[in-house]
Protein backbone atom coordinates (compact mmCIF):
# COMPACT_ATOMS: atom_id res chain seq x y z
CA MET A 1 -16.69 3.71 -3.33
CA SER A 2 -16.03 6.71 -5.95
CA GLU A 3 -13.01 7.72 -7.67
CA SER A 4 -13.01 11.07 -5.48
CA ASP A 5 -13.43 8.54 -2.65
CA LEU A 6 -10.79 5.99 -2.97
CA ASN A 7 -8.04 9.17 -4.29
CA VAL A 8 -8.42 10.57 -1.20
CA LEU A 9 -7.62 6.91 0.77
CA LEU A 10 -5.17 5.43 -1.58
CA VAL A 11 -2.15 7.70 -0.63
CA VAL A 12 1.36 6.70 0.27
CA GLY A 13 1.04 3.89 3.42
CA ALA A 14 -2.08 2.85 2.92
CA ARG A 15 -3.02 -0.59 3.19
CA VAL A 16 -4.98 -2.31 0.91
CA ARG A 17 -6.91 -5.88 1.36
CA ILE A 18 -7.09 -7.84 -2.04
CA GLY A 19 -10.73 -8.87 -2.56
CA GLU A 20 -11.88 -12.23 -3.81
CA LYS A 21 -13.42 -10.63 -7.13
CA TYR A 22 -10.43 -8.93 -7.89
CA SER A 23 -7.84 -11.82 -7.25
CA GLU A 24 -10.13 -13.59 -9.75
CA GLU A 25 -9.26 -11.03 -12.20
CA THR A 26 -5.63 -9.97 -11.25
CA PRO A 27 -3.81 -13.42 -10.63
CA TYR A 28 -0.63 -11.56 -9.12
CA PHE A 29 -2.83 -11.43 -6.13
CA LYS A 30 -4.13 -14.00 -3.65
CA PRO A 31 -7.89 -13.15 -1.88
CA GLY A 32 -7.14 -11.49 1.72
CA GLU A 33 -3.48 -10.52 0.57
CA ILE A 34 -2.60 -7.28 2.15
CA ILE A 35 -0.80 -4.87 0.48
CA THR A 36 0.59 -1.19 1.02
CA LEU A 37 1.51 1.69 -0.71
CA ILE A 38 4.65 3.39 -1.45
CA GLU A 39 5.92 5.91 -3.32
CA GLY A 40 6.44 4.76 -6.79
CA GLU A 41 8.28 7.09 -9.23
CA PHE A 42 7.59 7.12 -13.27
CA ASP A 43 8.90 8.65 -16.26
CA HIS A 44 6.64 11.01 -17.93
CA ASP A 45 7.12 12.08 -21.67
CA ASN A 46 5.03 14.78 -22.74
CA GLY A 47 6.22 15.11 -26.44
CA LEU A 48 8.41 17.59 -25.60
CA TYR A 49 10.52 16.70 -22.72
CA SER A 50 10.54 13.79 -19.53
CA GLU A 51 10.09 14.22 -16.60
CA ILE A 52 9.87 11.91 -12.95
CA GLN A 53 6.84 11.83 -11.52
CA THR A 54 5.68 9.88 -8.02
CA ALA A 55 2.28 8.79 -7.10
CA PRO A 56 1.25 5.56 -4.67
CA ALA A 57 2.26 1.87 -6.05
CA ILE A 58 3.49 -1.51 -4.98
CA TRP A 59 7.19 -2.44 -5.97
CA ASN A 60 6.71 -5.47 -8.60
CA GLU A 61 10.14 -7.55 -7.96
CA GLN A 62 9.42 -9.00 -11.70
CA ALA A 63 9.20 -6.34 -13.42
CA LYS A 64 11.85 -4.79 -11.04
CA ASP A 65 9.62 -1.62 -11.54
CA PHE A 66 6.40 0.21 -9.98
CA ASP A 67 3.07 -0.56 -10.34
CA SER A 68 1.27 2.53 -9.50
CA ILE A 69 -2.49 2.69 -8.32
CA TYR A 70 -3.92 3.58 -12.01
CA HIS A 71 -1.63 0.35 -12.75
CA LEU A 72 -3.76 -1.90 -10.23
CA PHE A 73 -6.82 -0.79 -10.30
CA GLY A 74 -7.26 1.18 -13.73
CA ASN A 75 -6.84 5.45 -14.84
CA ASN A 76 -9.87 6.52 -12.93
CA LEU A 77 -9.97 2.97 -10.03
CA GLU A 78 -12.58 1.47 -11.77
CA ASP A 79 -11.23 -1.84 -11.38
CA PHE A 80 -10.91 -1.63 -7.70
CA ALA A 81 -13.40 -4.12 -7.26
CA ASP A 82 -13.77 -5.38 -3.81
CA CYS A 83 -11.09 -4.59 -2.82
CA GLU A 84 -10.53 -2.62 0.95
CA VAL A 85 -8.39 0.00 2.25
CA LEU A 86 -7.78 -0.83 5.63
CA ASP A 87 -7.95 2.02 8.76
CA ASN A 88 -4.18 3.40 9.39
């Protein structure tokens, strides 16, 4: 699946089934686990000022912070691997 296809599908409310290959590379999830994307808030600092931006994310209880889809699947969503977006 292309990055542009994933950007359309990976939105707030989307459910993602974690794949076996992805779970081997990312020990935070088990194969078959289903995550639901929520709206996450992130500080963005461009060197002149900071602002809060939002992106689809999950809540990371250990870090007490959001993990965006870009943190989970890479800046270009190249690490989506064998995960699957489920029909809503």
